[in-house]
Amino acid sequence: MIYVVAHKQFDDSFIEKKHYAILTVGGEKFGDESYLRDSSGDNIADKNPNYCELTALYWIWKNSGESDDEITGLLHYRRYLTTRFADFKYAYCGKMPSVLEYASIEKTLKKYDIILPRRMKMIRNTVWNSYSERHVREDMELTRQTIEDVCPEYTAAFDCVMKKHELFYANVLICKKKILNKYAQWLFTVLFELEKKIDLNKYEDPYQARVFGFLAERLLNVWVVHKKLRVKEFPLFNTEVKSDNLFDRTGKRLRNLFLMAGKRRDKTLGKNNNAK
């Protein structure tokens, strides 16, 4: 079973319920009896403000019933994996993609260890600098220190990932349960130790307080590199962000070109008038 994480009511009509289950997080109560709750069983639902979708990952690790060789994973209520062709039509024709079919997932995991979103490229920034600019740099420094203390064999992979200009993001993954279990065991060992070092009261902004969710996006990359996993990438689309189609993009580019040309012309005229 692949779990779709949600913290609020959403349209789930297009989700194929045979292979996808909805898992609510943070102890939220909405949806019908088919919805699973991260507050049941062995859970850390109360940590959701700081752990985000990781409370769902913990629940899957500790409570879901898949066997080691069964497929499982984590998606979001608004973020789903799809095919390249469907993503192309979404980007250039505005057609909403369909969720990656389970048959395609099964076929892929016969050749690969894990399915992840297509990596995000960062031309200007490294992973380390990007985190430092968007979040609290000290938290990343404490993360490296914690890895050195708890699992020093991962330090080289951590340093390698931090220097990269690309990142698998969103804490989205699909794999066999035995792989998810190993990842979760490592991840929460690091995060629970790191939680002892980070003062959560320092965050005035609730967004920045989601620190462990943000750090986990980087740590998944560290784990994949260290384990040398065979990764298959699929596009990730957001149901709440409708891409511009080809005509919209072309129109915007033309408008921008005209605006830039107008500014250059005005600037040139201004210089000529000053010269006179």
C-alpha atoms as a PDB file:
ATOM      1  CA  MET A   1       0.000   0.000   0.000  1.00  0.00           C
ATOM      2  CA  ILE A   2       1.177   3.505  -0.845  1.00  0.00           C
ATOM      3  CA  TYR A   3       0.099   6.191   1.610  1.00  0.00           C
ATOM      4  CA  VAL A   4      -1.183   9.648   0.654  1.00  0.00           C
ATOM      5  CA  VAL A   5      -0.531  12.046   3.520  1.00  0.00           C
ATOM      6  CA  ALA A   6      -3.114  14.740   4.261  1.00  0.00           C
ATOM      7  CA  HIS A   7      -3.621  17.366   6.958  1.00  0.00           C
ATOM      8  CA  LYS A   8      -6.898  18.680   5.573  1.00  0.00           C
ATOM      9  CA  GLN A   9      -9.893  17.598   3.510  1.00  0.00           C
ATOM     10  CA  PHE A  10      -9.182  17.291  -0.224  1.00  0.00           C
ATOM     11  CA  ASP A  11     -10.637  15.783  -3.367  1.00  0.00           C
ATOM     12  CA  ASP A  12      -9.553  12.131  -3.327  1.00  0.00           C
ATOM     13  CA  SER A  13     -11.841  10.965  -6.138  1.00  0.00           C
ATOM     14  CA  PHE A  14      -8.991  10.381  -8.595  1.00  0.00           C
ATOM     15  CA  ILE A  15      -6.978   8.188  -6.200  1.00  0.00           C
ATOM     16  CA  GLU A  16      -7.169   4.457  -6.896  1.00  0.00           C
ATOM     17  CA  LYS A  17      -8.053   3.083  -3.453  1.00  0.00           C
ATOM     18  CA  LYS A  18      -6.886  -0.479  -4.121  1.00  0.00           C
ATOM     19  CA  HIS A  19      -3.234   0.521  -3.913  1.00  0.00           C
ATOM     20  CA  TYR A  20      -3.366   4.000  -2.331  1.00  0.00           C
ATOM     21  CA  ALA A  21      -4.588   4.753   1.211  1.00  0.00           C
ATOM     22  CA  ILE A  22      -5.123   8.171   2.783  1.00  0.00           C
ATOM     23  CA  LEU A  23      -3.273   8.798   6.031  1.00  0.00           C
ATOM     24  CA  THR A  24      -4.161  11.909   8.032  1.00  0.00           C
ATOM     25  CA  VAL A  25      -1.412  13.518  10.109  1.00  0.00           C
ATOM     26  CA  GLY A  26      -1.159  15.563  13.267  1.00  0.00           C
ATOM     27  CA  GLY A  27      -4.162  13.868  14.817  1.00  0.00           C
ATOM     28  CA  GLU A  28      -6.501  15.653  12.398  1.00  0.00           C
ATOM     29  CA  LYS A  29      -9.979  14.110  12.164  1.00  0.00           C
ATOM     30  CA  PHE A  30     -11.697  14.349   8.792  1.00  0.00           C
ATOM     31  CA  GLY A  31     -12.697  11.977   6.022  1.00  0.00           C
ATOM     32  CA  ASP A  32     -14.554   8.689   6.266  1.00  0.00           C
ATOM     33  CA  GLU A  33     -13.739   5.423   8.046  1.00  0.00           C
ATOM     34  CA  SER A  34     -11.341   4.395   5.272  1.00  0.00           C
ATOM     35  CA  TYR A  35      -8.930   7.176   6.268  1.00  0.00           C
ATOM     36  CA  LEU A  36      -6.018   6.062   8.431  1.00  0.00           C
ATOM     37  CA  ARG A  37      -4.738   8.219  11.309  1.00  0.00           C
ATOM     38  CA  ASP A  38      -1.136   8.835  12.295  1.00  0.00           C
ATOM     39  CA  SER A  39      -2.347   9.169  15.899  1.00  0.00           C
ATOM     40  CA  SER A  40      -3.173   5.452  16.142  1.00  0.00           C
ATOM     41  CA  GLY A  41      -0.846   2.673  17.262  1.00  0.00           C
ATOM     42  CA  ASP A  42       2.810   3.455  17.885  1.00  0.00           C
ATOM     43  CA  ASN A  43       2.973   7.070  16.795  1.00  0.00           C
ATOM     44  CA  ILE A  44       4.576  10.525  17.058  1.00  0.00           C
ATOM     45  CA  ALA A  45       1.523  12.462  15.825  1.00  0.00           C
ATOM     46  CA  ASP A  46       2.073  15.177  18.447  1.00  0.00           C
ATOM     47  CA  LYS A  47       5.397  16.052  16.782  1.00  0.00           C
ATOM     48  CA  ASN A  48       3.710  16.970  13.479  1.00  0.00           C
ATOM     49  CA  PRO A  49       4.286  20.778  13.777  1.00  0.00           C
ATOM     50  CA  ASN A  50       8.026  20.070  13.691  1.00  0.00           C
ATOM     51  CA  TYR A  51       8.144  16.795  11.729  1.00  0.00           C
ATOM     52  CA  CYS A  52       5.483  17.443   9.038  1.00  0.00           C
ATOM     53  CA  GLU A  53       4.839  14.340   6.895  1.00  0.00           C
ATOM     54  CA  LEU A  54       7.482  12.422   8.842  1.00  0.00           C
ATOM     55  CA  THR A  55       4.848  11.559  11.452  1.00  0.00           C
ATOM     56  CA  ALA A  56       3.206   9.614   8.631  1.00  0.00           C
ATOM     57  CA  LEU A  57       6.497   7.963   7.685  1.00  0.00           C
ATOM     58  CA  TYR A  58       6.948   6.900  11.317  1.00  0.00           C
ATOM     59  CA  TRP A  59       3.416   5.473  11.375  1.00  0.00           C
ATOM     60  CA  ILE A  60       4.026   3.502   8.166  1.00  0.00           C
ATOM     61  CA  TRP A  61       7.262   2.129   9.590  1.00  0.00           C
ATOM     62  CA  LYS A  62       5.733   1.072  12.899  1.00  0.00           C
ATOM     63  CA  ASN A  63       2.121   0.179  12.045  1.00  0.00           C
ATOM     64  CA  SER A  64       1.484  -0.661   8.380  1.00  0.00           C
ATOM     65  CA  GLY A  65       1.044  -4.318   7.558  1.00  0.00           C
ATOM     66  CA  GLU A  66       3.112  -4.766   4.396  1.00  0.00           C
ATOM     67  CA  SER A  67       5.601  -7.612   4.299  1.00  0.00           C
ATOM     68  CA  ASP A  68       9.259  -6.887   3.542  1.00  0.00           C
ATOM     69  CA  ASP A  69       8.852  -7.486  -0.192  1.00  0.00           C
ATOM     70  CA  GLU A  70       5.590  -5.595  -0.620  1.00  0.00           C
ATOM     71  CA  ILE A  71       5.544  -2.104  -2.097  1.00  0.00           C
ATOM     72  CA  THR A  72       4.876   0.906   0.081  1.00  0.00           C
ATOM     73  CA  GLY A  73       5.634   4.601   0.051  1.00  0.00           C
ATOM     74  CA  LEU A  74       4.618   8.137   0.869  1.00  0.00           C
ATOM     75  CA  LEU A  75       2.960  10.805  -1.288  1.00  0.00           C
ATOM     76  CA  HIS A  76       1.162  14.041  -0.398  1.00  0.00           C
ATOM     77  CA  TYR A  77      -2.483  15.033  -0.814  1.00  0.00           C
ATOM     78  CA  ARG A  78      -1.362  17.525  -3.476  1.00  0.00           C
ATOM     79  CA  ARG A  79       1.910  16.035  -4.747  1.00  0.00           C
ATOM     80  CA  TYR A  80       1.899  12.924  -6.897  1.00  0.00           C
ATOM     81  CA  LEU A  81       4.271  11.111  -9.210  1.00  0.00           C
ATOM     82  CA  THR A  82       3.409  10.777 -12.872  1.00  0.00           C
ATOM     83  CA  THR A  83       5.024   9.842 -16.196  1.00  0.00           C
ATOM     84  CA  ARG A  84       7.239  12.094 -18.299  1.00  0.00           C
ATOM     85  CA  PHE A  85       4.689  12.183 -21.104  1.00  0.00           C
ATOM     86  CA  ALA A  86       1.866  13.187 -18.762  1.00  0.00           C
ATOM     87  CA  ASP A  87       4.116  15.812 -17.181  1.00  0.00           C
ATOM     88  CA  PHE A  88       4.953  17.191 -20.636  1.00  0.00           C
ATOM     89  CA  LYS A  89       1.247  17.560 -21.453  1.00  0.00           C
ATOM     90  CA  TYR A  90       0.732  19.230 -18.068  1.00  0.00           C
ATOM     91  CA  ALA A  91       3.544  21.715 -18.675  1.00  0.00           C
ATOM     92  CA  TYR A  92       2.706  22.604 -22.262  1.00  0.00           C
ATOM     93  CA  CYS A  93      -0.980  21.854 -22.692  1.00  0.00           C
ATOM     94  CA  GLY A  94      -2.342  22.403 -19.191  1.00  0.00           C
ATOM     95  CA  LYS A  95      -3.783  18.869 -18.964  1.00  0.00           C
ATOM     96  CA  MET A  96      -3.810  17.552 -15.389  1.00  0.00           C
ATOM     97  CA  PRO A  97      -1.649  14.384 -15.188  1.00  0.00           C
ATOM     98  CA  SER A  98      -2.823  11.043 -13.865  1.00  0.00           C
ATOM     99  CA  VAL A  99      -1.180   9.475 -10.829  1.00  0.00           C
ATOM    100  CA  LEU A 100       1.558   6.964 -11.611  1.00  0.00           C
ATOM    101  CA  GLU A 101      -0.104   3.591 -12.186  1.00  0.00           C
ATOM    102  CA  TYR A 102       0.620   0.796  -9.752  1.00  0.00           C
ATOM    103  CA  ALA A 103       1.540  -1.571 -12.589  1.00  0.00           C
ATOM    104  CA  SER A 104       4.264   0.872 -13.640  1.00  0.00           C
ATOM    105  CA  ILE A 105       5.519   1.048 -10.060  1.00  0.00           C
ATOM    106  CA  GLU A 106       5.720  -2.755  -9.833  1.00  0.00           C
ATOM    107  CA  LYS A 107       7.625  -2.969 -13.118  1.00  0.00           C
ATOM    108  CA  THR A 108      10.033  -0.211 -12.096  1.00  0.00           C
ATOM    109  CA  LEU A 109      10.898  -1.746  -8.719  1.00  0.00           C
ATOM    110  CA  LYS A 110      11.997  -4.953 -10.409  1.00  0.00           C
ATOM    111  CA  LYS A 111      14.977  -3.015 -11.776  1.00  0.00           C
ATOM    112  CA  TYR A 112      15.411  -0.230  -9.222  1.00  0.00           C
ATOM    113  CA  ASP A 113      15.588  -0.005  -5.430  1.00  0.00           C
ATOM    114  CA  ILE A 114      13.560   3.148  -4.955  1.00  0.00           C
ATOM    115  CA  ILE A 115      11.357   5.610  -6.831  1.00  0.00           C
ATOM    116  CA  LEU A 116      11.916   9.300  -6.090  1.00  0.00           C
ATOM    117  CA  PRO A 117      10.721  12.619  -7.563  1.00  0.00           C
ATOM    118  CA  ARG A 118      12.781  13.991 -10.426  1.00  0.00           C
ATOM    119  CA  ARG A 119      15.661  15.798  -8.772  1.00  0.00           C
ATOM    120  CA  MET A 120      15.469  19.539  -8.388  1.00  0.00           C
ATOM    121  CA  LYS A 121      18.379  21.433  -9.974  1.00  0.00           C
ATOM    122  CA  MET A 122      19.968  24.390  -8.223  1.00  0.00           C
ATOM    123  CA  ILE A 123      22.339  26.177 -10.592  1.00  0.00           C
ATOM    124  CA  ARG A 124      23.483  28.929  -8.254  1.00  0.00           C
ATOM    125  CA  ASN A 125      23.376  27.227  -4.865  1.00  0.00           C
ATOM    126  CA  THR A 126      24.687  24.044  -3.334  1.00  0.00           C
ATOM    127  CA  VAL A 127      22.368  21.995  -1.111  1.00  0.00           C
ATOM    128  CA  TRP A 128      24.126  23.411   1.946  1.00  0.00           C
ATOM    129  CA  ASN A 129      23.890  27.038   0.839  1.00  0.00           C
ATOM    130  CA  SER A 130      20.281  26.645  -0.240  1.00  0.00           C
ATOM    131  CA  TYR A 131      19.304  25.368   3.192  1.00  0.00           C
ATOM    132  CA  SER A 132      21.303  28.094   4.917  1.00  0.00           C
ATOM    133  CA  GLU A 133      19.512  30.805   2.923  1.00  0.00           C
ATOM    134  CA  ARG A 134      15.994  29.419   3.356  1.00  0.00           C
ATOM    135  CA  HIS A 135      16.202  28.068   6.889  1.00  0.00           C
ATOM    136  CA  VAL A 136      18.498  28.155   9.950  1.00  0.00           C
ATOM    137  CA  ARG A 137      22.104  27.353   9.077  1.00  0.00           C
ATOM    138  CA  GLU A 138      22.874  26.246  12.637  1.00  0.00           C
ATOM    139  CA  ASP A 139      20.373  23.382  12.307  1.00  0.00           C
ATOM    140  CA  MET A 140      22.306  21.921   9.376  1.00  0.00           C
ATOM    141  CA  GLU A 141      25.551  22.270  11.292  1.00  0.00           C
ATOM    142  CA  LEU A 142      23.990  20.409  14.228  1.00  0.00           C
ATOM    143  CA  THR A 143      22.774  17.734  11.829  1.00  0.00           C
ATOM    144  CA  ARG A 144      26.293  17.055  10.581  1.00  0.00           C
ATOM    145  CA  GLN A 145      27.540  16.952  14.162  1.00  0.00           C
ATOM    146  CA  THR A 146      24.806  14.458  15.069  1.00  0.00           C
ATOM    147  CA  ILE A 147      25.676  12.216  12.137  1.00  0.00           C
ATOM    148  CA  GLU A 148      29.310  12.237  13.234  1.00  0.00           C
ATOM    149  CA  ASP A 149      28.184  11.205  16.741  1.00  0.00           C
ATOM    150  CA  VAL A 150      25.529   8.612  15.850  1.00  0.00           C
ATOM    151  CA  CYS A 151      26.590   7.155  12.499  1.00  0.00           C
ATOM    152  CA  PRO A 152      30.007   8.543  11.448  1.00  0.00           C
ATOM    153  CA  GLU A 153      30.101   6.221   8.431  1.00  0.00           C
ATOM    154  CA  TYR A 154      27.493   8.533   6.830  1.00  0.00           C
ATOM    155  CA  THR A 155      29.608  11.696   7.175  1.00  0.00           C
ATOM    156  CA  ALA A 156      31.265  11.341   3.761  1.00  0.00           C
ATOM    157  CA  ALA A 157      27.878  10.916   2.063  1.00  0.00           C
ATOM    158  CA  PHE A 158      26.543  13.941   3.965  1.00  0.00           C
ATOM    159  CA  ASP A 159      29.436  16.131   2.808  1.00  0.00           C
ATOM    160  CA  CYS A 160      29.036  14.850  -0.744  1.00  0.00           C
ATOM    161  CA  VAL A 161      25.325  15.717  -0.850  1.00  0.00           C
ATOM    162  CA  MET A 162      25.844  19.154   0.692  1.00  0.00           C
ATOM    163  CA  LYS A 163      28.213  20.107  -2.163  1.00  0.00           C
ATOM    164  CA  LYS A 164      25.777  19.049  -4.873  1.00  0.00           C
ATOM    165  CA  HIS A 165      23.576  21.375  -6.926  1.00  0.00           C
ATOM    166  CA  GLU A 166      20.648  18.951  -7.072  1.00  0.00           C
ATOM    167  CA  LEU A 167      18.244  17.410  -4.609  1.00  0.00           C
ATOM    168  CA  PHE A 168      15.506  14.792  -4.345  1.00  0.00           C
ATOM    169  CA  TYR A 169      12.876  16.751  -2.426  1.00  0.00           C
ATOM    170  CA  ALA A 170       9.427  16.640  -0.760  1.00  0.00           C
ATOM    171  CA  ASN A 171      10.044  13.494   1.335  1.00  0.00           C
ATOM    172  CA  VAL A 172       8.274  11.479  -1.357  1.00  0.00           C
ATOM    173  CA  LEU A 173       9.393   7.901  -1.938  1.00  0.00           C
ATOM    174  CA  ILE A 174       8.139   4.509  -3.113  1.00  0.00           C
ATOM    175  CA  CYS A 175      10.026   1.281  -2.468  1.00  0.00           C
ATOM    176  CA  LYS A 176       9.783  -2.168  -0.904  1.00  0.00           C
ATOM    177  CA  LYS A 177       8.831  -2.138   2.785  1.00  0.00           C
ATOM    178  CA  LYS A 178      12.175  -3.582   3.885  1.00  0.00           C
ATOM    179  CA  ILE A 179      13.951  -0.573   2.340  1.00  0.00           C
ATOM    180  CA  LEU A 180      11.539   1.913   3.903  1.00  0.00           C
ATOM    181  CA  ASN A 181      12.016   0.234   7.292  1.00  0.00           C
ATOM    182  CA  LYS A 182      15.807   0.547   7.081  1.00  0.00           C
ATOM    183  CA  TYR A 183      15.577   4.172   6.014  1.00  0.00           C
ATOM    184  CA  ALA A 184      13.097   5.077   8.753  1.00  0.00           C
ATOM    185  CA  GLN A 185      15.172   3.373  11.422  1.00  0.00           C
ATOM    186  CA  TRP A 186      18.244   5.353  10.401  1.00  0.00           C
ATOM    187  CA  LEU A 187      16.400   8.648   9.878  1.00  0.00           C
ATOM    188  CA  PHE A 188      14.574   8.692  13.202  1.00  0.00           C
ATOM    189  CA  THR A 189      17.708   7.603  15.073  1.00  0.00           C
ATOM    190  CA  VAL A 190      19.404  10.728  13.711  1.00  0.00           C
ATOM    191  CA  LEU A 191      16.419  13.054  14.174  1.00  0.00           C
ATOM    192  CA  PHE A 192      15.553  11.981  17.716  1.00  0.00           C
ATOM    193  CA  GLU A 193      19.160  12.583  18.735  1.00  0.00           C
ATOM    194  CA  LEU A 194      19.189  15.899  16.864  1.00  0.00           C
ATOM    195  CA  GLU A 195      15.993  16.937  18.656  1.00  0.00           C
ATOM    196  CA  LYS A 196      18.005  16.985  21.898  1.00  0.00           C
ATOM    197  CA  LYS A 197      20.304  19.632  20.407  1.00  0.00           C
ATOM    198  CA  ILE A 198      17.811  21.968  18.712  1.00  0.00           C
ATOM    199  CA  ASP A 199      15.841  24.466  20.798  1.00  0.00           C
ATOM    200  CA  LEU A 200      12.393  24.408  19.188  1.00  0.00           C
ATOM    201  CA  ASN A 201      11.367  27.528  21.110  1.00  0.00           C
ATOM    202  CA  LYS A 202      13.648  29.679  18.957  1.00  0.00           C
ATOM    203  CA  TYR A 203      11.310  29.537  15.971  1.00  0.00           C
ATOM    204  CA  GLU A 204       8.919  32.480  15.867  1.00  0.00           C
ATOM    205  CA  ASP A 205       7.749  31.452  12.398  1.00  0.00           C
ATOM    206  CA  PRO A 206       5.692  28.203  12.339  1.00  0.00           C
ATOM    207  CA  TYR A 207       7.081  27.532   8.872  1.00  0.00           C
ATOM    208  CA  GLN A 208      10.662  27.396  10.150  1.00  0.00           C
ATOM    209  CA  ALA A 209       9.485  25.271  13.064  1.00  0.00           C
ATOM    210  CA  ARG A 210       8.947  22.439  10.550  1.00  0.00           C
ATOM    211  CA  VAL A 211      12.677  21.927  10.856  1.00  0.00           C
ATOM    212  CA  PHE A 212      12.847  18.116  10.909  1.00  0.00           C
ATOM    213  CA  GLY A 213      10.732  17.822   7.786  1.00  0.00           C
ATOM    214  CA  PHE A 214      13.091  20.203   5.965  1.00  0.00           C
ATOM    215  CA  LEU A 215      16.190  18.398   7.215  1.00  0.00           C
ATOM    216  CA  ALA A 216      14.774  15.013   6.215  1.00  0.00           C
ATOM    217  CA  GLU A 217      14.460  16.192   2.603  1.00  0.00           C
ATOM    218  CA  ARG A 218      18.257  16.493   2.601  1.00  0.00           C
ATOM    219  CA  LEU A 219      18.900  13.398   4.700  1.00  0.00           C
ATOM    220  CA  LEU A 220      17.011  11.138   2.299  1.00  0.00           C
ATOM    221  CA  ASN A 221      19.619  12.110  -0.295  1.00  0.00           C
ATOM    222  CA  VAL A 222      22.405  11.273   2.160  1.00  0.00           C
ATOM    223  CA  TRP A 223      20.949   7.844   2.825  1.00  0.00           C
ATOM    224  CA  VAL A 224      20.489   7.091  -0.893  1.00  0.00           C
ATOM    225  CA  VAL A 225      24.081   8.089  -1.656  1.00  0.00           C
ATOM    226  CA  HIS A 226      25.536   6.093   1.239  1.00  0.00           C
ATOM    227  CA  LYS A 227      23.503   2.990   0.379  1.00  0.00           C
ATOM    228  CA  LYS A 228      24.269   3.403  -3.353  1.00  0.00           C
ATOM    229  CA  LEU A 229      20.628   2.737  -4.224  1.00  0.00           C
ATOM    230  CA  ARG A 230      19.424   2.379  -7.788  1.00  0.00           C
ATOM    231  CA  VAL A 231      17.043   5.320  -8.194  1.00  0.00           C
ATOM    232  CA  LYS A 232      14.289   5.742 -10.767  1.00  0.00           C
ATOM    233  CA  GLU A 233      13.038   9.312 -11.089  1.00  0.00           C
ATOM    234  CA  PHE A 234       9.515  10.322 -12.048  1.00  0.00           C
ATOM    235  CA  PRO A 235       8.084  13.844 -12.384  1.00  0.00           C
ATOM    236  CA  LEU A 236       6.264  15.225  -9.349  1.00  0.00           C
ATOM    237  CA  PHE A 237       3.224  17.402 -10.002  1.00  0.00           C
ATOM    238  CA  ASN A 238       1.273  19.614  -7.645  1.00  0.00           C
ATOM    239  CA  THR A 239      -2.530  19.589  -7.967  1.00  0.00           C
ATOM    240  CA  GLU A 240      -2.735  23.048  -6.380  1.00  0.00           C
ATOM    241  CA  VAL A 241      -0.345  24.670  -8.851  1.00  0.00           C
ATOM    242  CA  LYS A 242      -1.606  24.643 -12.418  1.00  0.00           C
ATOM    243  CA  SER A 243       1.249  24.959 -14.902  1.00  0.00           C
ATOM    244  CA  ASP A 244       1.017  27.515 -17.672  1.00  0.00           C
ATOM    245  CA  ASN A 245       0.421  25.982 -21.062  1.00  0.00           C
ATOM    246  CA  LEU A 246       2.659  26.661 -24.053  1.00  0.00           C
ATOM    247  CA  PHE A 247       0.577  29.623 -25.274  1.00  0.00           C
ATOM    248  CA  ASP A 248       0.506  31.263 -21.834  1.00  0.00           C
ATOM    249  CA  ARG A 249       4.274  30.932 -21.526  1.00  0.00           C
ATOM    250  CA  THR A 250       4.860  32.291 -25.016  1.00  0.00           C
ATOM    251  CA  GLY A 251       2.577  35.252 -24.288  1.00  0.00           C
ATOM    252  CA  LYS A 252       4.383  36.053 -21.067  1.00  0.00           C
ATOM    253  CA  ARG A 253       7.771  35.845 -22.772  1.00  0.00           C
ATOM    254  CA  LEU A 254       6.646  38.190 -25.542  1.00  0.00           C
ATOM    255  CA  ARG A 255       5.228  40.665 -23.011  1.00  0.00           C
ATOM    256  CA  ASN A 256       8.499  40.575 -21.069  1.00  0.00           C
ATOM    257  CA  LEU A 257      10.502  41.125 -24.251  1.00  0.00           C
ATOM    258  CA  PHE A 258       8.377  44.131 -25.173  1.00  0.00           C
ATOM    259  CA  LEU A 259       8.724  45.564 -21.665  1.00  0.00           C
ATOM    260  CA  MET A 260      12.494  45.096 -21.706  1.00  0.00           C
ATOM    261  CA  ALA A 261      12.729  46.680 -25.159  1.00  0.00           C
ATOM    262  CA  GLY A 262      10.644  49.630 -23.942  1.00  0.00           C
ATOM    263  CA  LYS A 263      12.869  50.152 -20.912  1.00  0.00           C
ATOM    264  CA  ARG A 264      16.012  50.062 -23.049  1.00  0.00           C
ATOM    265  CA  ARG A 265      14.469  52.592 -25.455  1.00  0.00           C
ATOM    266  CA  ASP A 266      13.470  54.922 -22.611  1.00  0.00           C
ATOM    267  CA  LYS A 267      16.926  54.616 -21.115  1.00  0.00           C
ATOM    268  CA  THR A 268      18.575  55.426 -24.445  1.00  0.00           C
ATOM    269  CA  LEU A 269      16.303  58.435 -24.996  1.00  0.00           C
ATOM    270  CA  GLY A 270      17.081  59.624 -21.515  1.00  0.00           C
ATOM    271  CA  LYS A 271      20.825  59.501 -22.151  1.00  0.00           C
ATOM    272  CA  ASN A 272      20.420  61.354 -25.462  1.00  0.00           C
ATOM    273  CA  ASN A 273      18.347  64.076 -23.836  1.00  0.00           C
ATOM    274  CA  ASN A 274      20.909  64.462 -21.035  1.00  0.00           C
ATOM    275  CA  ALA A 275      23.664  64.708 -23.606  1.00  0.00           C
ATOM    276  CA  LYS A 276      21.873  67.600 -25.269  1.00  0.00           C
END
